[in-house]
């Protein structure tokens, strides 16, 4: 009897273990089924900070790279910068400067000499803080920059060596001054020859002033495909319906089964549970608001808050189909940070020609396609124009690319009332 009871007890223990394992498996399956496309891991990652190296590298990536071979003509790169040869080369050079660069001089901005040689220019749409920038390249402090008077900058110009023995020269530039550094010949970057050519790109530009301003000098319009404007929140009949919109916004909820939904008299589609509200506003704007409790035991910084915003777009909103870059940010008194992002279409930037109202009674319009508010590492508000803008390979057209100012050529969104499913976004007068 003793052996019998012993075996019965063992069998019961094994059964309990098996049932517990099955329970865990079924619970995981339930969560993953309710989160579209099995995006549970990206969902969690989008709401918690990523590693320092990853988040900082996204923050310090330039929004465009201008390059020229010294013949007075320049090309510009907006698309795929993170994986481009130009930025990989720039990373090698910048690391060499921060580790053992030799400070040469601080002068007022004068691009004449820089433009006369082969050059790569890495530009930011905002003032980059030196300490944050240096930390992204593995430096404990930004002493190489700050000790030489550089608190912030908005561009880096590199004159690469074109032959053995040439000096690799790097300039950190802001609106008024530039700081010149030389890379010692013992550094690996000093022996990497990268000769940029403006003929690699359709943006055939010339410098128009002493600062980083450029303009097209083509005698004919640039050739570019017609832009297709799509709205994934409209169904196959191009209509808005609460069931179709729900299918497109369910990824914002940890458990879509808890969503309540409704449509107001003003045409606002609302989806909510205890912690999240998502609204589709009348003039094609998606608005996400989170009411989750915010932990403040570990204060965040600019880079970790940026990382939360960047990850939210990349991993929590699959309907963002355009490449995007940080256009500006603002730190507010309550500790919140607001980040604004612009799109690119192909290899051109896109800008709003005017603020985008969310509806007829809007008093807080969008000034950029994407706006995100972050509080202590958590996205608490997210607003985005519902449309995607992509080149249509089947609809080639000759169009003028718009002069966006400050040396930028790109596309500008027409007022909302002029939007069409297939349209060139704008043209030069």
Protein backbone atom coordinates (compact mmCIF):
# COMPACT_ATOMS: atom_id res chain seq x y z
CA UNK A 1 0.00 0.00 0.00
CA UNK A 2 2.84 2.32 0.79
CA UNK A 3 4.31 1.97 -2.71
CA UNK A 4 0.86 2.41 -4.24
CA UNK A 5 0.23 5.66 -2.35
CA UNK A 6 3.71 6.77 -3.25
CA UNK A 7 3.07 6.32 -6.98
CA UNK A 8 -0.35 7.97 -6.72
CA UNK A 9 1.25 11.01 -5.04
CA UNK A 10 3.91 11.23 -7.74
CA UNK A 11 1.26 10.99 -10.45
CA UNK A 12 -0.75 13.80 -8.85
CA UNK A 13 2.36 16.00 -8.65
CA UNK A 14 3.16 15.38 -12.29
CA UNK A 15 -0.45 16.15 -13.25
CA UNK A 16 -0.34 19.44 -11.33
CA UNK A 17 2.92 20.43 -13.06
CA UNK A 18 1.47 19.55 -16.47
CA UNK A 19 -1.71 21.54 -15.82
CA UNK A 20 0.32 24.55 -14.65
CA UNK A 21 2.45 24.41 -17.81
CA UNK A 22 -0.66 24.11 -19.97
CA UNK A 23 -2.22 27.10 -18.19
CA UNK A 24 0.84 29.24 -18.85
CA UNK A 25 0.91 28.17 -22.50
CA UNK A 26 -2.78 28.93 -23.05
CA UNK A 27 -2.51 32.30 -21.31
CA UNK A 28 0.41 33.27 -23.55
CA UNK A 29 -1.53 32.14 -26.61
CA UNK A 30 -4.54 34.20 -25.51
CA UNK A 31 -2.44 37.36 -25.15
CA UNK A 32 -0.68 36.85 -28.44
CA UNK A 33 -3.92 36.16 -30.31
CA UNK A 34 -5.51 39.35 -28.97
CA UNK A 35 -2.55 41.51 -29.96
CA UNK A 36 -2.49 41.83 -33.76
CA UNK A 37 0.36 40.22 -35.68
CA UNK A 38 1.82 38.74 -32.48
CA UNK A 39 3.31 42.08 -31.53
CA UNK A 40 3.46 41.50 -27.79
CA UNK A 41 7.24 41.94 -27.52
CA UNK A 42 7.32 45.14 -29.65
CA UNK A 43 4.34 46.40 -27.61
CA UNK A 44 6.33 46.04 -24.39
CA UNK A 45 9.53 47.43 -25.92
CA UNK A 46 7.67 50.50 -27.18
CA UNK A 47 6.65 51.42 -23.64
CA UNK A 48 9.91 50.78 -21.85
CA UNK A 49 13.32 52.25 -22.59
CA UNK A 50 15.68 50.36 -24.89
CA UNK A 51 19.41 50.09 -24.28
CA UNK A 52 21.40 53.30 -24.06
CA UNK A 53 23.51 52.57 -27.14
CA UNK A 54 20.47 51.89 -29.34
CA UNK A 55 18.44 54.87 -28.22
CA UNK A 56 21.36 57.31 -28.43
CA UNK A 57 22.33 56.17 -31.93
CA UNK A 58 18.80 56.93 -33.15
CA UNK A 59 18.90 60.37 -31.54
CA UNK A 60 22.22 61.45 -33.05
CA UNK A 61 21.47 60.23 -36.57
CA UNK A 62 21.40 63.28 -38.91
CA UNK A 63 18.20 64.08 -40.74
CA UNK A 64 20.10 64.56 -44.00
CA UNK A 65 23.59 64.17 -45.49
CA UNK A 66 24.83 66.62 -48.12
CA UNK A 67 27.87 65.51 -50.09
CA UNK A 68 29.96 66.87 -52.94
CA UNK A 69 33.21 66.16 -54.74
CA UNK A 70 34.60 69.71 -54.60
CA UNK A 71 33.32 70.78 -58.03
CA UNK A 72 30.66 73.11 -56.60
CA UNK A 73 27.77 70.70 -56.99
CA UNK A 74 26.14 68.73 -54.19
CA UNK A 75 23.78 65.82 -53.65
CA UNK A 76 21.56 65.19 -50.64
CA UNK A 77 20.48 62.00 -48.88
CA UNK A 78 17.37 61.69 -46.69
CA UNK A 79 16.39 58.05 -47.15
CA UNK A 80 18.06 55.09 -45.42
CA UNK A 81 20.66 57.20 -43.63
CA UNK A 82 21.16 54.70 -40.79
CA UNK A 83 22.48 52.02 -43.16
CA UNK A 84 24.17 54.32 -45.66
CA UNK A 85 27.89 54.23 -46.48
CA UNK A 86 28.01 57.98 -45.85
CA UNK A 87 26.84 57.64 -42.24
CA UNK A 88 28.98 54.56 -41.55
CA UNK A 89 31.99 56.55 -42.70
CA UNK A 90 30.84 59.50 -40.60
CA UNK A 91 30.60 57.32 -37.51
CA UNK A 92 34.20 56.16 -37.95
CA UNK A 93 35.43 59.73 -38.39
CA UNK A 94 33.44 61.16 -35.48
CA UNK A 95 34.69 58.43 -33.15
CA UNK A 96 38.28 59.27 -34.10
CA UNK A 97 37.71 62.97 -33.38
CA UNK A 98 36.13 62.32 -29.99
CA UNK A 99 38.86 59.87 -28.97
CA UNK A 100 42.02 61.66 -30.09
CA UNK A 101 41.18 64.59 -32.34
CA UNK A 102 43.43 67.66 -32.37
CA UNK A 103 41.65 70.99 -31.93
CA UNK A 104 42.79 73.51 -34.56
CA UNK A 105 40.70 76.69 -34.33
CA UNK A 106 37.35 78.33 -33.64
CA UNK A 107 36.27 80.78 -36.34
CA UNK A 108 33.15 82.42 -37.69
CA UNK A 109 31.29 80.28 -40.19
CA UNK A 110 32.95 80.36 -43.61
CA UNK A 111 32.12 77.45 -45.88
CA UNK A 112 34.25 78.57 -48.83
CA UNK A 113 37.26 76.40 -48.02
CA UNK A 114 35.12 73.46 -46.89
CA UNK A 115 33.09 73.44 -50.11
CA UNK A 116 36.20 73.66 -52.30
CA UNK A 117 37.23 70.10 -51.37
CA UNK A 118 35.37 66.79 -51.27
CA UNK A 119 32.97 67.05 -48.34
CA UNK A 120 30.27 65.24 -46.41
CA UNK A 121 27.94 67.34 -44.25
CA UNK A 122 25.82 65.74 -41.54
CA UNK A 123 22.93 68.05 -40.63
CA UNK A 124 20.46 68.13 -37.75
CA UNK A 125 17.05 69.78 -37.71
CA UNK A 126 17.67 71.00 -34.13
CA UNK A 127 20.59 72.00 -31.91
CA UNK A 128 22.49 68.84 -30.93
CA UNK A 129 23.85 68.88 -27.36
CA UNK A 130 27.55 67.97 -27.29
CA UNK A 131 27.43 65.80 -24.17
CA UNK A 132 24.58 63.65 -25.48
CA UNK A 133 26.25 63.38 -28.86
CA UNK A 134 29.56 62.22 -27.37
CA UNK A 135 27.86 59.61 -25.16
CA UNK A 136 26.28 58.04 -28.25
CA UNK A 137 29.79 57.38 -29.55
CA UNK A 138 30.97 55.70 -26.38
CA UNK A 139 32.49 58.69 -24.59
CA UNK A 140 31.85 59.19 -20.87
CA UNK A 141 31.84 62.96 -21.33
CA UNK A 142 31.83 65.37 -24.24
CA UNK A 143 35.10 66.93 -23.06
CA UNK A 144 36.69 66.93 -26.52
CA UNK A 145 33.86 69.22 -27.63
CA UNK A 146 32.82 71.10 -24.49
CA UNK A 147 36.41 71.88 -23.40
CA UNK A 148 36.82 73.66 -26.73
CA UNK A 149 33.68 75.75 -26.32
CA UNK A 150 31.14 73.61 -28.20
CA UNK A 151 27.95 73.32 -26.16
CA UNK A 152 25.77 72.54 -29.18
CA UNK A 153 25.92 72.38 -32.98
CA UNK A 154 23.62 71.60 -35.90
CA UNK A 155 26.03 70.26 -38.54
CA UNK A 156 29.31 68.40 -38.95
CA UNK A 157 31.40 68.84 -42.11
CA UNK A 158 34.09 66.32 -43.00
CA UNK A 159 36.79 66.92 -45.61
CA UNK A 160 38.05 63.36 -46.16
CA UNK A 161 41.58 62.60 -47.32
CA UNK A 162 41.77 61.77 -51.02
CA UNK A 163 45.36 60.49 -51.00
CA UNK A 164 47.83 59.05 -48.50
CA UNK A 165 49.25 61.84 -46.38
CA UNK A 166 46.25 64.17 -46.69
CA UNK A 167 44.84 65.54 -43.44
CA UNK A 168 41.36 64.43 -42.39
CA UNK A 169 39.61 67.61 -41.22
CA UNK A 170 36.32 67.83 -39.32
CA UNK A 171 34.22 70.92 -38.51
CA UNK A 172 31.46 71.17 -35.90
CA UNK A 173 29.16 74.01 -36.99
CA UNK A 174 26.34 76.08 -35.51
CA UNK A 175 24.61 79.18 -36.85
CA UNK A 176 27.55 81.51 -36.08
CA UNK A 177 30.74 79.56 -35.46
CA UNK A 178 32.63 76.49 -36.55
CA UNK A 179 35.25 74.48 -34.67
CA UNK A 180 37.96 72.74 -36.70
CA UNK A 181 39.59 69.45 -35.67
CA UNK A 182 42.28 67.38 -37.33
CA UNK A 183 42.44 63.59 -37.06
CA UNK A 184 45.98 62.30 -36.37
CA UNK A 185 47.50 60.20 -39.17
CA UNK A 186 47.74 57.27 -36.74
CA UNK A 187 43.94 56.99 -36.53
CA UNK A 188 42.24 54.38 -38.69
CA UNK A 189 39.80 56.96 -40.11
CA UNK A 190 42.72 58.95 -41.55
CA UNK A 191 43.45 56.08 -43.94
CA UNK A 192 39.89 55.54 -45.16
CA UNK A 193 39.38 57.28 -48.48
CA UNK A 194 35.79 58.24 -49.25
CA UNK A 195 35.33 60.52 -52.22
CA UNK A 196 31.70 61.67 -52.49
CA UNK A 197 30.20 62.43 -55.87
CA UNK A 198 27.20 64.66 -56.52
CA UNK A 199 26.40 62.62 -59.63
CA UNK A 200 25.20 59.77 -57.37
CA UNK A 201 21.89 61.52 -56.68
CA UNK A 202 19.18 63.46 -58.50
CA UNK A 203 19.40 66.38 -56.04
CA UNK A 204 21.86 68.37 -58.11
CA UNK A 205 22.44 71.46 -55.96
CA UNK A 206 24.78 74.41 -55.62
CA UNK A 207 25.55 76.42 -52.50
CA UNK A 208 23.69 79.73 -52.38
CA UNK A 209 25.31 81.32 -49.34
CA UNK A 210 27.95 81.10 -46.68
CA UNK A 211 25.84 78.81 -44.51
CA UNK A 212 24.44 75.41 -45.40
CA UNK A 213 21.94 76.61 -47.96
CA UNK A 214 21.57 75.07 -51.39
CA UNK A 215 19.38 75.42 -54.46
CA UNK A 216 18.71 73.41 -57.59
CA UNK A 217 20.45 74.49 -60.79
CA UNK A 218 18.84 72.01 -63.15
CA UNK A 219 17.53 73.51 -66.37
CA UNK A 220 14.57 71.10 -66.37
CA UNK A 221 12.16 69.76 -63.72
CA UNK A 222 13.27 66.85 -61.58
CA UNK A 223 11.75 63.53 -62.60
CA UNK A 224 9.76 61.94 -59.82
CA UNK A 225 6.89 59.52 -59.52
CA UNK A 226 3.42 60.74 -58.68
CA UNK A 227 2.77 60.37 -54.97
CA UNK A 228 0.04 57.96 -53.86
CA UNK A 229 -1.88 59.16 -50.81
CA UNK A 230 -3.52 56.32 -48.88
CA UNK A 231 -5.66 56.19 -45.76
CA UNK A 232 -5.67 52.72 -44.16
CA UNK A 233 -8.55 53.74 -41.86
CA UNK A 234 -10.94 53.84 -44.83
CA UNK A 235 -12.38 50.55 -46.08
CA UNK A 236 -12.27 49.13 -49.62
CA UNK A 237 -15.19 51.38 -50.57
CA UNK A 238 -13.23 54.44 -49.34
CA UNK A 239 -15.67 54.87 -46.45
CA UNK A 240 -15.12 55.33 -42.72
CA UNK A 241 -16.79 52.71 -40.52
CA UNK A 242 -16.38 51.96 -36.84
CA UNK A 243 -15.65 48.27 -37.44
CA UNK A 244 -12.91 48.95 -40.00
CA UNK A 245 -11.26 51.69 -37.91
CA UNK A 246 -11.31 49.39 -34.87
CA UNK A 247 -9.34 46.79 -36.78
CA UNK A 248 -6.72 49.43 -37.61
CA UNK A 249 -6.31 50.82 -34.06
CA UNK A 250 -6.56 47.65 -31.94
CA UNK A 251 -2.75 47.43 -31.72
CA UNK A 252 -2.81 50.41 -29.34
CA UNK A 253 -4.57 48.26 -26.71
CA UNK A 254 -2.96 45.53 -24.58
CA UNK A 255 -6.18 43.53 -24.81
CA UNK A 256 -8.49 44.61 -27.66
CA UNK A 257 -11.30 42.52 -26.18
CA UNK A 258 -11.77 45.27 -23.55
CA UNK A 259 -12.40 48.06 -26.08
CA UNK A 260 -15.57 50.13 -25.85
CA UNK A 261 -16.49 52.07 -28.98
CA UNK A 262 -18.82 54.75 -30.23
CA UNK A 263 -19.32 57.61 -32.72
CA UNK A 264 -20.21 61.12 -31.62
CA UNK A 265 -22.55 63.51 -33.41
CA UNK A 266 -19.50 65.45 -34.61
CA UNK A 267 -18.08 62.40 -36.38
CA UNK A 268 -15.42 61.46 -33.79
CA UNK A 269 -14.85 57.70 -33.61
CA UNK A 270 -13.81 56.80 -30.04
CA UNK A 271 -12.30 53.57 -28.74
CA UNK A 272 -11.39 53.22 -25.08
CA UNK A 273 -10.84 51.08 -22.02
CA UNK A 274 -9.77 51.97 -18.47
CA UNK A 275 -6.26 53.07 -19.45
CA UNK A 276 -6.32 54.02 -23.14
CA UNK A 277 -8.39 56.23 -25.45
CA UNK A 278 -7.93 56.30 -29.23
CA UNK A 279 -9.93 58.71 -31.36
CA UNK A 280 -10.26 59.10 -35.12
CA UNK A 281 -10.90 62.82 -35.56
CA UNK A 282 -13.02 64.31 -38.39
CA UNK A 283 -10.17 65.65 -40.50
CA UNK A 284 -8.18 62.40 -40.65
CA UNK A 285 -6.08 62.54 -37.49
CA UNK A 286 -5.41 59.61 -35.15
CA UNK A 287 -5.08 60.56 -31.47
CA UNK A 288 -3.87 58.14 -28.78
CA UNK A 289 -3.99 59.01 -25.06
CA UNK A 290 -2.70 56.82 -22.22
CA UNK A 291 -3.86 57.08 -18.60
CA UNK A 292 -1.56 54.38 -17.24
CA UNK A 293 0.19 55.09 -13.95
CA UNK A 294 3.61 56.64 -14.53
CA UNK A 295 6.45 55.38 -12.34
CA UNK A 296 8.82 58.15 -11.25
CA UNK A 297 11.34 56.19 -9.21
CA UNK A 298 13.89 56.31 -12.03
CA UNK A 299 13.80 59.71 -13.76
CA UNK A 300 14.40 59.65 -17.49
CA UNK A 301 16.41 62.01 -19.70
CA UNK A 302 16.04 63.51 -23.15
CA UNK A 303 17.45 60.49 -24.96
CA UNK A 304 15.38 57.86 -23.14
CA UNK A 305 12.21 59.90 -23.69
CA UNK A 306 13.11 60.28 -27.37
CA UNK A 307 13.66 56.53 -27.53
CA UNK A 308 10.17 55.90 -26.14
CA UNK A 309 8.71 58.20 -28.80
CA UNK A 310 10.79 56.70 -31.63
CA UNK A 311 9.98 53.12 -30.61
CA UNK A 312 6.27 53.92 -30.30
CA UNK A 313 6.15 55.00 -33.95
CA UNK A 314 8.33 52.16 -35.21
CA UNK A 315 6.84 49.31 -33.22
CA UNK A 316 3.39 50.34 -32.00
CA UNK A 317 1.91 51.89 -35.14
CA UNK A 318 2.24 49.62 -38.20
CA UNK A 319 0.25 52.11 -40.28
CA UNK A 320 3.21 54.51 -40.42
CA UNK A 321 4.65 53.61 -43.81
CA UNK A 322 6.86 56.63 -44.46
CA UNK A 323 10.39 57.07 -43.19
CA UNK A 324 10.46 59.75 -40.51
CA UNK A 325 12.99 61.90 -38.68
CA UNK A 326 13.05 64.16 -35.62
CA UNK A 327 12.23 67.71 -36.71
CA UNK A 328 12.25 69.39 -33.28
CA UNK A 329 11.49 68.82 -29.62
CA UNK A 330 10.42 70.84 -26.61
CA UNK A 331 10.87 70.28 -22.86
CA UNK A 332 7.90 71.47 -20.81
CA UNK A 333 7.70 72.65 -17.22
CA UNK A 334 5.90 69.58 -15.87
CA UNK A 335 8.70 67.31 -17.01
CA UNK A 336 7.00 66.27 -20.23
CA UNK A 337 8.84 66.30 -23.54
CA UNK A 338 7.13 66.77 -26.90
CA UNK A 339 8.73 65.43 -30.09
CA UNK A 340 7.69 66.36 -33.63
CA UNK A 341 8.61 64.18 -36.62
CA UNK A 342 8.54 64.83 -40.36
CA UNK A 343 8.23 62.28 -43.17
CA UNK A 344 10.32 61.56 -46.22
CA UNK A 345 8.93 60.44 -49.58
CA UNK A 346 11.52 58.47 -51.46
CA UNK A 347 14.61 60.62 -51.00
CA UNK A 348 12.82 63.93 -50.40
CA UNK A 349 11.52 65.45 -47.16
CA UNK A 350 7.86 66.34 -46.71
CA UNK A 351 6.59 69.40 -44.86
CA UNK A 352 3.18 70.80 -43.93
CA UNK A 353 2.48 74.00 -45.83
CA UNK A 354 0.16 75.06 -43.03
CA UNK A 355 -0.99 73.69 -39.67
CA UNK A 356 -3.24 70.65 -39.98
CA UNK A 357 -6.52 71.11 -38.13
CA UNK A 358 -8.11 68.01 -36.63
CA UNK A 359 -11.67 69.23 -37.20
CA UNK A 360 -13.82 72.34 -37.60
CA UNK A 361 -13.49 73.34 -33.92
CA UNK A 362 -9.76 72.58 -33.58
CA UNK A 363 -7.73 75.01 -31.47
CA UNK A 364 -4.56 72.89 -31.31
CA UNK A 365 -3.63 71.84 -34.87
CA UNK A 366 -0.74 69.62 -35.87
CA UNK A 367 2.36 71.46 -37.08
CA UNK A 368 4.14 68.26 -38.22
CA UNK A 369 2.79 64.91 -39.45
CA UNK A 370 3.57 63.25 -36.08
CA UNK A 371 3.48 64.69 -32.56
CA UNK A 372 4.31 62.65 -29.44
CA UNK A 373 4.25 63.66 -25.77
CA UNK A 374 6.37 61.58 -23.36
CA UNK A 375 6.27 61.72 -19.56
CA UNK A 376 9.07 59.92 -17.70
CA UNK A 377 9.65 57.40 -20.46
CA UNK A 378 5.98 56.69 -21.22
CA UNK A 379 4.09 57.92 -24.27
CA UNK A 380 1.01 59.68 -22.89
CA UNK A 381 -0.23 61.30 -26.09
CA UNK A 382 0.29 60.57 -29.79
CA UNK A 383 -1.22 62.44 -32.74
CA UNK A 384 -0.64 61.66 -36.39
CA UNK A 385 -2.09 62.50 -39.78
CA UNK A 386 -3.84 59.32 -40.88
CA UNK A 387 -2.45 59.37 -44.44
CA UNK A 388 0.61 57.64 -45.89
CA UNK A 389 2.51 59.18 -48.80
CA UNK A 390 4.39 56.87 -51.14
CA UNK A 391 5.82 57.16 -54.68
CA UNK A 392 3.70 55.30 -57.20
CA UNK A 393 6.09 53.36 -59.49
CA UNK A 394 3.38 53.02 -62.11
CA UNK A 395 2.67 56.74 -62.44
CA UNK A 396 5.80 58.60 -63.52
CA UNK A 397 5.54 62.34 -63.91
CA UNK A 398 7.73 65.38 -64.39
CA UNK A 399 7.17 67.74 -61.48
CA UNK A 400 9.02 70.56 -59.80
CA UNK A 401 10.16 69.74 -56.31
CA UNK A 402 9.24 72.49 -53.91
CA UNK A 403 11.76 74.89 -52.34
CA UNK A 404 11.10 74.36 -48.63
CA UNK A 405 13.55 77.07 -47.55
CA UNK A 406 16.89 76.78 -45.75
CA UNK A 407 18.37 74.91 -48.68
CA UNK A 408 15.81 72.11 -48.80
CA UNK A 409 14.01 70.67 -51.77
CA UNK A 410 11.06 68.46 -51.01
CA UNK A 411 7.32 67.92 -50.99
CA UNK A 412 4.81 70.10 -49.21
CA UNK A 413 1.36 68.88 -48.20
CA UNK A 414 -1.49 70.85 -49.68
CA UNK A 415 -4.36 71.93 -47.41
CA UNK A 416 -6.55 69.03 -46.31
CA UNK A 417 -9.45 70.00 -48.56
CA UNK A 418 -7.25 69.53 -51.66
CA UNK A 419 -6.11 65.98 -50.82
CA UNK A 420 -6.72 63.27 -53.41
CA UNK A 421 -5.90 59.58 -53.45
CA UNK A 422 -3.45 60.05 -56.32
CA UNK A 423 -1.80 63.42 -56.57
CA UNK A 424 1.45 65.24 -56.84
CA UNK A 425 1.56 66.96 -53.46
CA UNK A 426 2.62 70.30 -54.86
CA UNK A 427 4.46 72.03 -57.68
CA UNK A 428 6.52 75.17 -58.12
CA UNK A 429 4.73 78.24 -59.49
